[in-house]
Amino acid sequence: MSQSLVAVLFGDSFAVMNTIGLVAFALVGSSKAIREEFDLLGIVIVGLAMAFAGGATRDLLVARVPLALQSPIEIWLGLFGVALAVGLNVVLSAPETHPVTLVSDAIGLAAFATAGAIVATEVGVSAFGVVAIATINAVGGGAFADILLDRAPFILFEDFYASCAVLGGTAYWGTISSRRRRERSRYRTYPRTGTRTS
């Protein structure tokens, strides 16, 4: 059981980024709901929406069942982030603007952009598709949470926020493309000899 749990949370690069992103964004979303004085149910809903909406949209775009519907561990990670936000509210006067929350937002954005780019690359979409899915994965949850909070999505008036996700997706695609070109160059077969370059 413990080995399967570790595999789900940290089994590969996607699992690590997904784990980090879920906890971080659930914390940020819940902190926003606490600032708006939502009740406990509202805090949980907004926190989980921010954690899962972007990833669920990503999974639907690549025609797979959202991870949140496949494993209860995903939900527990989101609830852990919600609990962290509630705990911060107890010990801090303004948790939504505290450096812990702001750093969590930045970490969640980077983690989810990377997770989205990994999934998009694995299913073989175009370069535009990789960047688009990475961006949706990174900012979709926050936009949905803002709608639940009855305000304009943050990404519509803060260009730099979404731009970070676009840059992250582009950087990932560029890195993977460069690696693949090097591998093709290294292992190409010469017509006459049938040998490979070293």
N, C-alpha and C. Protein backbone atom coordinates (compact mmCIF):
# COMPACT_ATOMS: atom_id res chain seq x y z
N MET A 1 0.82 -1.21 0.00
CA MET A 1 0.00 0.00 0.00
C MET A 1 0.86 1.26 0.00
N SER A 2 1.87 1.28 0.88
CA SER A 2 2.72 2.46 0.96
C SER A 2 3.51 2.65 -0.32
N GLN A 3 3.92 1.53 -0.95
CA GLN A 3 4.67 1.64 -2.20
C GLN A 3 3.79 2.18 -3.31
N SER A 4 2.52 1.75 -3.36
CA SER A 4 1.62 2.27 -4.39
C SER A 4 1.33 3.75 -4.16
N LEU A 5 1.24 4.17 -2.91
CA LEU A 5 1.02 5.57 -2.60
C LEU A 5 2.19 6.42 -3.05
N VAL A 6 3.39 5.96 -2.78
CA VAL A 6 4.58 6.68 -3.20
C VAL A 6 4.65 6.75 -4.73
N ALA A 7 4.25 5.67 -5.39
CA ALA A 7 4.28 5.66 -6.85
C ALA A 7 3.31 6.68 -7.43
N VAL A 8 2.11 6.80 -6.81
CA VAL A 8 1.12 7.77 -7.29
C VAL A 8 1.61 9.20 -7.07
N LEU A 9 2.24 9.43 -5.91
CA LEU A 9 2.65 10.79 -5.56
C LEU A 9 3.96 11.21 -6.23
N PHE A 10 4.91 10.27 -6.31
CA PHE A 10 6.26 10.64 -6.76
C PHE A 10 6.85 9.65 -7.76
N GLY A 11 5.97 8.89 -8.45
CA GLY A 11 6.46 7.83 -9.33
C GLY A 11 7.23 8.31 -10.54
N ASP A 12 6.89 9.47 -11.07
CA ASP A 12 7.60 10.02 -12.22
C ASP A 12 7.49 11.53 -12.17
N SER A 13 8.03 12.20 -13.18
CA SER A 13 8.05 13.66 -13.16
C SER A 13 6.64 14.24 -13.18
N PHE A 14 5.73 13.61 -13.92
CA PHE A 14 4.35 14.11 -13.93
C PHE A 14 3.72 13.99 -12.55
N ALA A 15 3.91 12.84 -11.90
CA ALA A 15 3.32 12.62 -10.58
C ALA A 15 3.81 13.65 -9.58
N VAL A 16 5.09 13.97 -9.62
CA VAL A 16 5.66 14.95 -8.69
C VAL A 16 5.05 16.33 -8.94
N MET A 17 5.01 16.76 -10.22
CA MET A 17 4.45 18.07 -10.54
C MET A 17 2.97 18.14 -10.19
N ASN A 18 2.25 17.05 -10.45
CA ASN A 18 0.82 17.02 -10.15
C ASN A 18 0.57 17.10 -8.65
N THR A 19 1.35 16.38 -7.87
CA THR A 19 1.21 16.41 -6.42
C THR A 19 1.45 17.81 -5.87
N ILE A 20 2.54 18.42 -6.30
CA ILE A 20 2.88 19.77 -5.85
C ILE A 20 1.78 20.76 -6.24
N GLY A 21 1.35 20.68 -7.50
CA GLY A 21 0.35 21.61 -7.98
C GLY A 21 -0.99 21.48 -7.27
N LEU A 22 -1.42 20.26 -7.00
CA LEU A 22 -2.70 20.06 -6.33
C LEU A 22 -2.72 20.68 -4.94
N VAL A 23 -1.69 20.40 -4.16
CA VAL A 23 -1.64 20.93 -2.80
C VAL A 23 -1.53 22.46 -2.82
N ALA A 24 -0.65 22.97 -3.67
CA ALA A 24 -0.42 24.42 -3.72
C ALA A 24 -1.67 25.18 -4.15
N PHE A 25 -2.33 24.71 -5.21
CA PHE A 25 -3.49 25.44 -5.71
C PHE A 25 -4.71 25.28 -4.81
N ALA A 26 -4.85 24.13 -4.15
CA ALA A 26 -5.95 23.98 -3.18
C ALA A 26 -5.76 24.97 -2.04
N LEU A 27 -4.52 25.15 -1.62
CA LEU A 27 -4.22 26.12 -0.56
C LEU A 27 -4.57 27.54 -1.01
N VAL A 28 -4.16 27.90 -2.22
CA VAL A 28 -4.41 29.25 -2.72
C VAL A 28 -5.90 29.50 -2.91
N GLY A 29 -6.60 28.55 -3.53
CA GLY A 29 -8.03 28.73 -3.75
C GLY A 29 -8.81 28.85 -2.45
N SER A 30 -8.45 28.01 -1.49
CA SER A 30 -9.13 28.08 -0.19
C SER A 30 -8.85 29.40 0.51
N SER A 31 -7.64 29.91 0.38
CA SER A 31 -7.30 31.20 0.99
C SER A 31 -8.13 32.32 0.40
N LYS A 32 -8.38 32.26 -0.91
CA LYS A 32 -9.23 33.26 -1.55
C LYS A 32 -10.66 33.19 -1.00
N ALA A 33 -11.16 31.97 -0.83
CA ALA A 33 -12.51 31.80 -0.31
C ALA A 33 -12.61 32.27 1.14
N ILE A 34 -11.57 32.04 1.92
CA ILE A 34 -11.56 32.51 3.31
C ILE A 34 -11.60 34.03 3.35
N ARG A 35 -10.85 34.67 2.44
CA ARG A 35 -10.87 36.14 2.38
C ARG A 35 -12.26 36.67 2.08
N GLU A 36 -13.02 35.93 1.26
CA GLU A 36 -14.38 36.35 0.91
C GLU A 36 -15.40 35.91 1.96
N GLU A 37 -14.92 35.32 3.04
CA GLU A 37 -15.76 34.89 4.16
C GLU A 37 -16.76 33.81 3.77
N PHE A 38 -16.33 32.87 2.93
CA PHE A 38 -17.16 31.71 2.61
C PHE A 38 -17.23 30.80 3.83
N ASP A 39 -18.29 29.98 3.88
CA ASP A 39 -18.35 28.99 4.95
C ASP A 39 -17.42 27.82 4.61
N LEU A 40 -17.36 26.82 5.49
CA LEU A 40 -16.40 25.74 5.31
C LEU A 40 -16.63 24.98 4.01
N LEU A 41 -17.90 24.72 3.68
CA LEU A 41 -18.19 24.02 2.44
C LEU A 41 -17.73 24.83 1.23
N GLY A 42 -18.00 26.14 1.27
CA GLY A 42 -17.56 27.00 0.18
C GLY A 42 -16.05 27.03 0.04
N ILE A 43 -15.36 27.04 1.17
CA ILE A 43 -13.89 27.03 1.15
C ILE A 43 -13.37 25.76 0.49
N VAL A 44 -13.97 24.64 0.86
CA VAL A 44 -13.56 23.35 0.28
C VAL A 44 -13.84 23.32 -1.22
N ILE A 45 -15.01 23.78 -1.63
CA ILE A 45 -15.38 23.75 -3.05
C ILE A 45 -14.45 24.61 -3.88
N VAL A 46 -14.19 25.84 -3.43
CA VAL A 46 -13.30 26.74 -4.20
C VAL A 46 -11.88 26.18 -4.22
N GLY A 47 -11.42 25.66 -3.09
CA GLY A 47 -10.07 25.09 -3.05
C GLY A 47 -9.92 23.93 -4.00
N LEU A 48 -10.89 23.01 -3.98
CA LEU A 48 -10.80 21.85 -4.87
C LEU A 48 -11.01 22.25 -6.33
N ALA A 49 -11.85 23.25 -6.58
CA ALA A 49 -12.06 23.71 -7.95
C ALA A 49 -10.77 24.27 -8.52
N MET A 50 -10.05 25.05 -7.73
CA MET A 50 -8.79 25.60 -8.23
C MET A 50 -7.76 24.50 -8.45
N ALA A 51 -7.80 23.48 -7.59
CA ALA A 51 -6.84 22.40 -7.72
C ALA A 51 -7.13 21.50 -8.92
N PHE A 52 -8.41 21.27 -9.24
CA PHE A 52 -8.75 20.23 -10.21
C PHE A 52 -9.28 20.72 -11.55
N ALA A 53 -9.81 21.93 -11.63
CA ALA A 53 -10.47 22.36 -12.88
C ALA A 53 -9.52 22.39 -14.07
N GLY A 54 -8.32 22.90 -13.87
CA GLY A 54 -7.36 22.96 -14.97
C GLY A 54 -6.95 21.58 -15.44
N GLY A 55 -6.66 20.68 -14.50
CA GLY A 55 -6.25 19.33 -14.87
C GLY A 55 -7.37 18.53 -15.50
N ALA A 56 -8.60 18.73 -15.01
CA ALA A 56 -9.73 18.03 -15.61
C ALA A 56 -9.94 18.48 -17.06
N THR A 57 -9.81 19.78 -17.30
CA THR A 57 -9.92 20.29 -18.67
C THR A 57 -8.83 19.72 -19.55
N ARG A 58 -7.62 19.67 -19.02
CA ARG A 58 -6.48 19.05 -19.75
C ARG A 58 -6.80 17.62 -20.16
N ASP A 59 -7.30 16.84 -19.19
CA ASP A 59 -7.58 15.43 -19.46
C ASP A 59 -8.69 15.27 -20.49
N LEU A 60 -9.72 16.11 -20.43
CA LEU A 60 -10.79 16.03 -21.41
C LEU A 60 -10.28 16.38 -22.81
N LEU A 61 -9.35 17.32 -22.90
CA LEU A 61 -8.80 17.71 -24.20
C LEU A 61 -7.98 16.59 -24.83
N VAL A 62 -7.37 15.76 -24.01
CA VAL A 62 -6.57 14.65 -24.56
C VAL A 62 -7.34 13.33 -24.47
N ALA A 63 -8.67 13.42 -24.24
CA ALA A 63 -9.56 12.26 -24.28
C ALA A 63 -9.21 11.18 -23.26
N ARG A 64 -9.03 11.59 -22.02
CA ARG A 64 -8.85 10.60 -20.97
C ARG A 64 -9.67 11.00 -19.74
N VAL A 65 -9.97 10.03 -18.91
CA VAL A 65 -10.76 10.29 -17.71
C VAL A 65 -9.93 11.15 -16.75
N PRO A 66 -10.50 12.25 -16.24
CA PRO A 66 -9.75 13.10 -15.30
C PRO A 66 -9.19 12.30 -14.13
N LEU A 67 -7.97 12.62 -13.75
CA LEU A 67 -7.31 11.88 -12.68
C LEU A 67 -8.08 11.94 -11.37
N ALA A 68 -8.77 13.05 -11.14
CA ALA A 68 -9.53 13.20 -9.90
C ALA A 68 -10.62 12.14 -9.78
N LEU A 69 -11.06 11.58 -10.93
CA LEU A 69 -12.09 10.55 -10.93
C LEU A 69 -11.50 9.15 -10.93
N GLN A 70 -10.17 9.07 -11.02
CA GLN A 70 -9.52 7.76 -11.07
C GLN A 70 -8.94 7.33 -9.73
N SER A 71 -8.52 8.28 -8.93
CA SER A 71 -7.83 7.93 -7.69
C SER A 71 -8.29 8.82 -6.54
N PRO A 72 -8.67 8.24 -5.40
CA PRO A 72 -9.05 9.06 -4.25
C PRO A 72 -7.87 9.83 -3.67
N ILE A 73 -6.68 9.40 -4.00
CA ILE A 73 -5.49 10.09 -3.49
C ILE A 73 -5.46 11.53 -3.98
N GLU A 74 -5.92 11.74 -5.21
CA GLU A 74 -5.97 13.10 -5.75
C GLU A 74 -6.85 13.99 -4.88
N ILE A 75 -7.99 13.49 -4.49
CA ILE A 75 -8.91 14.27 -3.66
C ILE A 75 -8.28 14.55 -2.30
N TRP A 76 -7.64 13.55 -1.73
CA TRP A 76 -7.01 13.75 -0.42
C TRP A 76 -5.91 14.81 -0.49
N LEU A 77 -5.19 14.85 -1.60
CA LEU A 77 -4.16 15.89 -1.76
C LEU A 77 -4.81 17.28 -1.77
N GLY A 78 -5.92 17.39 -2.49
CA GLY A 78 -6.63 18.66 -2.51
C GLY A 78 -7.13 19.05 -1.14
N LEU A 79 -7.69 18.10 -0.42
CA LEU A 79 -8.19 18.38 0.93
C LEU A 79 -7.05 18.75 1.88
N PHE A 80 -5.89 18.17 1.66
CA PHE A 80 -4.72 18.54 2.47
C PHE A 80 -4.36 20.00 2.24
N GLY A 81 -4.42 20.45 0.99
CA GLY A 81 -4.17 21.86 0.70
C GLY A 81 -5.20 22.77 1.34
N VAL A 82 -6.47 22.33 1.33
CA VAL A 82 -7.53 23.10 1.99
C VAL A 82 -7.25 23.21 3.49
N ALA A 83 -6.86 22.09 4.09
CA ALA A 83 -6.57 22.09 5.53
C ALA A 83 -5.41 23.03 5.85
N LEU A 84 -4.41 23.07 4.98
CA LEU A 84 -3.29 23.99 5.19
C LEU A 84 -3.77 25.44 5.19
N ALA A 85 -4.67 25.76 4.26
CA ALA A 85 -5.20 27.12 4.18
C ALA A 85 -5.97 27.48 5.43
N VAL A 86 -6.79 26.56 5.92
CA VAL A 86 -7.56 26.81 7.14
C VAL A 86 -6.61 27.01 8.33
N GLY A 87 -5.56 26.19 8.37
CA GLY A 87 -4.58 26.33 9.44
C GLY A 87 -3.85 27.67 9.39
N LEU A 88 -3.49 28.11 8.18
CA LEU A 88 -2.83 29.40 8.03
C LEU A 88 -3.75 30.54 8.48
N ASN A 89 -5.05 30.38 8.21
CA ASN A 89 -5.99 31.42 8.61
C ASN A 89 -6.07 31.56 10.13
N VAL A 90 -5.81 30.47 10.82
CA VAL A 90 -5.84 30.51 12.28
C VAL A 90 -4.66 31.27 12.85
N VAL A 91 -3.49 31.11 12.23
CA VAL A 91 -2.27 31.69 12.79
C VAL A 91 -1.86 33.01 12.12
N LEU A 92 -2.46 33.34 10.97
CA LEU A 92 -2.09 34.56 10.27
C LEU A 92 -3.31 35.47 10.13
N SER A 93 -3.06 36.76 10.12
CA SER A 93 -4.16 37.72 10.01
C SER A 93 -4.66 37.88 8.58
N ALA A 94 -3.77 37.74 7.60
CA ALA A 94 -4.15 37.87 6.19
C ALA A 94 -3.45 36.79 5.38
N PRO A 95 -3.92 35.55 5.47
CA PRO A 95 -3.22 34.44 4.82
C PRO A 95 -3.18 34.54 3.30
N GLU A 96 -4.18 35.20 2.69
CA GLU A 96 -4.22 35.25 1.23
C GLU A 96 -3.10 36.10 0.64
N THR A 97 -2.54 37.02 1.44
CA THR A 97 -1.44 37.86 0.95
C THR A 97 -0.11 37.51 1.61
N HIS A 98 -0.10 36.47 2.42
CA HIS A 98 1.13 36.06 3.09
C HIS A 98 2.09 35.43 2.07
N PRO A 99 3.40 35.60 2.25
CA PRO A 99 4.37 35.01 1.32
C PRO A 99 4.18 33.51 1.10
N VAL A 100 3.73 32.78 2.11
CA VAL A 100 3.50 31.34 1.94
C VAL A 100 2.48 31.09 0.84
N THR A 101 1.39 31.85 0.85
CA THR A 101 0.34 31.69 -0.16
C THR A 101 0.82 32.15 -1.52
N LEU A 102 1.52 33.27 -1.57
CA LEU A 102 2.01 33.80 -2.84
C LEU A 102 3.02 32.85 -3.48
N VAL A 103 3.90 32.30 -2.66
CA VAL A 103 4.89 31.34 -3.17
C VAL A 103 4.19 30.06 -3.63
N SER A 104 3.17 29.63 -2.87
CA SER A 104 2.42 28.45 -3.27
C SER A 104 1.75 28.65 -4.62
N ASP A 105 1.24 29.85 -4.87
CA ASP A 105 0.62 30.17 -6.15
C ASP A 105 1.64 30.04 -7.27
N ALA A 106 2.82 30.59 -7.07
CA ALA A 106 3.87 30.53 -8.09
C ALA A 106 4.32 29.09 -8.33
N ILE A 107 4.49 28.33 -7.25
CA ILE A 107 4.91 26.94 -7.38
C ILE A 107 3.84 26.12 -8.08
N GLY A 108 2.57 26.33 -7.70
CA GLY A 108 1.48 25.61 -8.34
C GLY A 108 1.39 25.91 -9.83
N LEU A 109 1.58 27.17 -10.19
CA LEU A 109 1.53 27.57 -11.60
C LEU A 109 2.62 26.84 -12.39
N ALA A 110 3.84 26.84 -11.86
CA ALA A 110 4.95 26.18 -12.55
C ALA A 110 4.74 24.67 -12.63
N ALA A 111 4.28 24.09 -11.53
CA ALA A 111 4.08 22.64 -11.49
C ALA A 111 3.00 22.20 -12.47
N PHE A 112 1.89 22.92 -12.50
CA PHE A 112 0.80 22.52 -13.39
C PHE A 112 1.11 22.81 -14.86
N ALA A 113 1.86 23.87 -15.14
CA ALA A 113 2.29 24.11 -16.52
C ALA A 113 3.16 22.96 -17.00
N THR A 114 4.05 22.50 -16.14
CA THR A 114 4.92 21.38 -16.50
C THR A 114 4.11 20.10 -16.66
N ALA A 115 3.19 19.85 -15.73
CA ALA A 115 2.36 18.64 -15.81
C ALA A 115 1.55 18.62 -17.11
N GLY A 116 0.96 19.77 -17.45
CA GLY A 116 0.19 19.84 -18.68
C GLY A 116 1.04 19.62 -19.91
N ALA A 117 2.25 20.17 -19.91
CA ALA A 117 3.15 19.98 -21.04
C ALA A 117 3.58 18.52 -21.17
N ILE A 118 3.79 17.85 -20.05
CA ILE A 118 4.17 16.44 -20.07
C ILE A 118 3.06 15.60 -20.71
N VAL A 119 1.82 15.81 -20.27
CA VAL A 119 0.69 15.05 -20.80
C VAL A 119 0.52 15.32 -22.29
N ALA A 120 0.59 16.59 -22.67
CA ALA A 120 0.40 16.96 -24.07
C ALA A 120 1.48 16.35 -24.95
N THR A 121 2.71 16.33 -24.47
CA THR A 121 3.81 15.74 -25.23
C THR A 121 3.62 14.24 -25.39
N GLU A 122 3.16 13.58 -24.33
CA GLU A 122 2.97 12.13 -24.36
C GLU A 122 1.90 11.71 -25.37
N VAL A 123 0.87 12.53 -25.56
CA VAL A 123 -0.20 12.16 -26.50
C VAL A 123 0.11 12.62 -27.92
N GLY A 124 1.20 13.35 -28.10
CA GLY A 124 1.67 13.70 -29.43
C GLY A 124 0.97 14.85 -30.12
N VAL A 125 0.51 15.84 -29.37
CA VAL A 125 -0.10 17.00 -30.00
C VAL A 125 0.98 17.92 -30.57
N SER A 126 0.55 18.92 -31.33
CA SER A 126 1.48 19.85 -31.95
C SER A 126 2.15 20.75 -30.91
N ALA A 127 3.11 21.55 -31.36
CA ALA A 127 3.78 22.49 -30.46
C ALA A 127 2.77 23.45 -29.85
N PHE A 128 1.85 23.95 -30.68
CA PHE A 128 0.81 24.84 -30.16
C PHE A 128 -0.04 24.12 -29.12
N GLY A 129 -0.35 22.85 -29.39
CA GLY A 129 -1.15 22.07 -28.44
C GLY A 129 -0.45 21.90 -27.11
N VAL A 130 0.85 21.68 -27.13
CA VAL A 130 1.62 21.53 -25.89
C VAL A 130 1.54 22.81 -25.06
N VAL A 131 1.76 23.93 -25.71
CA VAL A 131 1.73 25.21 -25.00
C VAL A 131 0.33 25.53 -24.51
N ALA A 132 -0.68 25.27 -25.35
CA ALA A 132 -2.06 25.57 -24.97
C ALA A 132 -2.50 24.71 -23.78
N ILE A 133 -2.21 23.42 -23.83
CA ILE A 133 -2.64 22.54 -22.74
C ILE A 133 -1.86 22.85 -21.46
N ALA A 134 -0.59 23.17 -21.58
CA ALA A 134 0.19 23.56 -20.40
C ALA A 134 -0.41 24.80 -19.75
N THR A 135 -0.81 25.77 -20.58
CA THR A 135 -1.38 27.01 -20.06
C THR A 135 -2.75 26.77 -19.42
N ILE A 136 -3.58 25.97 -20.08
CA ILE A 136 -4.90 25.66 -19.53
C ILE A 136 -4.77 24.93 -18.20
N ASN A 137 -3.86 23.97 -18.15
CA ASN A 137 -3.63 23.23 -16.91
C ASN A 137 -3.21 24.16 -15.78
N ALA A 138 -2.40 25.17 -16.12
CA ALA A 138 -1.83 26.05 -15.11
C ALA A 138 -2.81 27.12 -14.64
N VAL A 139 -3.60 27.68 -15.54
CA VAL A 139 -4.45 28.83 -15.16
C VAL A 139 -5.94 28.52 -15.13
N GLY A 140 -6.33 27.36 -15.64
CA GLY A 140 -7.75 27.03 -15.71
C GLY A 140 -8.41 26.96 -14.35
N GLY A 141 -7.73 26.34 -13.39
CA GLY A 141 -8.30 26.22 -12.05
C GLY A 141 -8.50 27.55 -11.38
N GLY A 142 -7.52 28.44 -11.52
CA GLY A 142 -7.63 29.76 -10.93
C GLY A 142 -8.76 30.58 -11.54
N ALA A 143 -8.92 30.45 -12.87
CA ALA A 143 -10.00 31.17 -13.54
C ALA A 143 -11.36 30.68 -13.06
N PHE A 144 -11.50 29.36 -12.92
CA PHE A 144 -12.76 28.79 -12.46
C PHE A 144 -13.05 29.19 -11.02
N ALA A 145 -12.00 29.21 -10.19
CA ALA A 145 -12.18 29.63 -8.80
C ALA A 145 -12.63 31.08 -8.72
N ASP A 146 -12.07 31.94 -9.57
CA ASP A 146 -12.48 33.34 -9.57
C ASP A 146 -13.95 33.50 -9.95
N ILE A 147 -14.42 32.68 -10.88
CA ILE A 147 -15.83 32.72 -11.26
C ILE A 147 -16.71 32.33 -10.07
N LEU A 148 -16.30 31.30 -9.33
CA LEU A 148 -17.05 30.91 -8.14
C LEU A 148 -17.04 32.02 -7.09
N LEU A 149 -15.98 32.82 -7.09
CA LEU A 149 -15.87 33.93 -6.15
C LEU A 149 -16.57 35.20 -6.66
N ASP A 150 -17.24 35.06 -7.84
CA ASP A 150 -18.02 36.15 -8.42
C ASP A 150 -17.15 37.36 -8.76
N ARG A 151 -16.03 37.08 -9.43
CA ARG A 151 -15.18 38.18 -9.89
C ARG A 151 -14.53 37.78 -11.20
N ALA A 152 -14.03 38.78 -11.93
CA ALA A 152 -13.39 38.51 -13.21
C ALA A 152 -12.15 37.65 -13.01
N PRO A 153 -11.95 36.64 -13.85
CA PRO A 153 -10.75 35.81 -13.71
C PRO A 153 -9.47 36.63 -13.71
N PHE A 154 -8.62 36.32 -12.80
CA PHE A 154 -7.36 37.05 -12.60
C PHE A 154 -6.54 37.15 -13.87
N ILE A 155 -6.56 36.11 -14.69
CA ILE A 155 -5.70 36.09 -15.88
C ILE A 155 -6.13 37.09 -16.93
N LEU A 156 -7.36 37.63 -16.83
CA LEU A 156 -7.85 38.57 -17.83
C LEU A 156 -7.31 39.98 -17.63
N PHE A 157 -6.78 40.27 -16.45
CA PHE A 157 -6.22 41.61 -16.25
C PHE A 157 -4.84 41.59 -15.63
N GLU A 158 -4.24 40.40 -15.53
CA GLU A 158 -2.85 40.28 -15.11
C GLU A 158 -2.12 39.45 -16.15
N ASP A 159 -1.61 40.13 -17.20
CA ASP A 159 -1.00 39.43 -18.33
C ASP A 159 0.16 38.55 -17.92
N PHE A 160 0.95 39.01 -16.96
CA PHE A 160 2.17 38.30 -16.62
C PHE A 160 1.89 36.92 -16.06
N TYR A 161 0.76 36.76 -15.38
CA TYR A 161 0.45 35.48 -14.74
C TYR A 161 0.31 34.38 -15.78
N ALA A 162 -0.56 34.58 -16.75
CA ALA A 162 -0.75 33.58 -17.80
C ALA A 162 0.49 33.47 -18.68
N SER A 163 1.20 34.57 -18.86
CA SER A 163 2.40 34.55 -19.68
C SER A 163 3.46 33.60 -19.12
N CYS A 164 3.51 33.51 -17.81
CA CYS A 164 4.46 32.57 -17.19
C CYS A 164 4.14 31.14 -17.59
N ALA A 165 2.85 30.81 -17.63
CA ALA A 165 2.45 29.47 -18.04
C ALA A 165 2.78 29.22 -19.51
N VAL A 166 2.54 30.23 -20.35
CA VAL A 166 2.87 30.11 -21.77
C VAL A 166 4.38 29.90 -21.95
N LEU A 167 5.16 30.68 -21.24
CA LEU A 167 6.62 30.54 -21.33
C LEU A 167 7.07 29.17 -20.82
N GLY A 168 6.44 28.70 -19.74
CA GLY A 168 6.79 27.39 -19.22
C GLY A 168 6.50 26.28 -20.21
N GLY A 169 5.31 26.31 -20.81
CA GLY A 169 4.97 25.31 -21.82
C GLY A 169 5.88 25.37 -23.03
N THR A 170 6.22 26.59 -23.45
CA THR A 170 7.12 26.76 -24.59
C THR A 170 8.51 26.22 -24.27
N ALA A 171 8.99 26.52 -23.07
CA ALA A 171 10.32 26.04 -22.67
C ALA A 171 10.36 24.53 -22.61
N TYR A 172 9.29 23.92 -22.10
CA TYR A 172 9.26 22.45 -22.03
C TYR A 172 9.27 21.85 -23.43
N TRP A 173 8.42 22.39 -24.31
CA TRP A 173 8.38 21.88 -25.68
C TRP A 173 9.74 22.05 -26.37
N GLY A 174 10.38 23.20 -26.17
CA GLY A 174 11.68 23.43 -26.78
C GLY A 174 12.73 22.46 -26.27
N THR A 175 12.70 22.19 -24.97
CA THR A 175 13.67 21.26 -24.38
C THR A 175 13.47 19.84 -24.92
N ILE A 176 12.22 19.38 -24.96
CA ILE A 176 11.93 18.03 -25.45
C ILE A 176 12.27 17.91 -26.94
N SER A 177 11.93 18.93 -27.72
CA SER A 177 12.22 18.89 -29.16
C SER A 177 13.72 18.84 -29.41
N SER A 178 14.47 19.62 -28.66
CA SER A 178 15.92 19.62 -28.80
C SER A 178 16.50 18.26 -28.43
N ARG A 179 15.98 17.65 -27.37
CA ARG A 179 16.48 16.34 -26.95
C ARG A 179 16.19 15.29 -28.02
N ARG A 180 15.00 15.34 -28.59
CA ARG A 180 14.64 14.37 -29.62
C ARG A 180 15.50 14.53 -30.86
N ARG A 181 15.81 15.77 -31.24
CA ARG A 181 16.68 15.99 -32.40
C ARG A 181 18.06 15.43 -32.15
N ARG A 182 18.58 15.62 -30.94
CA ARG A 182 19.90 15.07 -30.61
C ARG A 182 19.89 13.55 -30.65
N GLU A 183 18.80 12.95 -30.16
CA GLU A 183 18.71 11.49 -30.16
C GLU A 183 18.62 10.94 -31.58
N ARG A 184 17.85 11.62 -32.43
CA ARG A 184 17.76 11.17 -33.82
C ARG A 184 19.10 11.29 -34.52
N SER A 185 19.81 12.38 -34.22
CA SER A 185 21.12 12.58 -34.83
C SER A 185 22.12 11.55 -34.34
N ARG A 186 22.03 11.19 -33.08
CA ARG A 186 22.97 10.25 -32.50
C ARG A 186 22.75 8.83 -32.98
N TYR A 187 21.48 8.45 -33.16
CA TYR A 187 21.16 7.06 -33.48
C TYR A 187 20.75 6.84 -34.93
N ARG A 188 20.98 7.83 -35.78
CA ARG A 188 20.60 7.63 -37.18
C ARG A 188 21.46 6.53 -37.81
N THR A 189 20.90 5.81 -38.75
CA THR A 189 21.58 4.69 -39.41
C THR A 189 22.07 5.14 -40.78
N TYR A 190 23.34 4.87 -41.06
CA TYR A 190 23.88 5.20 -42.36
C TYR A 190 23.44 4.16 -43.38
N PRO A 191 23.07 4.58 -44.60
CA PRO A 191 22.52 3.64 -45.61
C PRO A 191 23.48 2.53 -45.97
N ARG A 192 24.77 2.83 -46.11
CA ARG A 192 25.69 1.83 -46.65
C ARG A 192 26.16 0.85 -45.58
N THR A 193 26.54 1.34 -44.47
CA THR A 193 27.17 0.50 -43.44
C THR A 193 26.18 -0.08 -42.45
N GLY A 194 25.05 0.59 -42.27
CA GLY A 194 24.08 0.12 -41.28
C GLY A 194 24.55 0.34 -39.86
N THR A 195 25.58 1.16 -39.68
CA THR A 195 26.11 1.43 -38.34
C THR A 195 25.49 2.68 -37.80
N ARG A 196 25.64 2.87 -36.54
CA ARG A 196 25.11 4.06 -35.86
C ARG A 196 26.24 4.92 -35.38
N THR A 197 25.97 6.21 -35.31
CA THR A 197 26.99 7.10 -34.78
C THR A 197 27.10 6.91 -33.28
N SER A 198 28.26 7.17 -32.74
CA SER A 198 28.47 7.03 -31.29
C SER A 198 28.32 8.36 -30.60
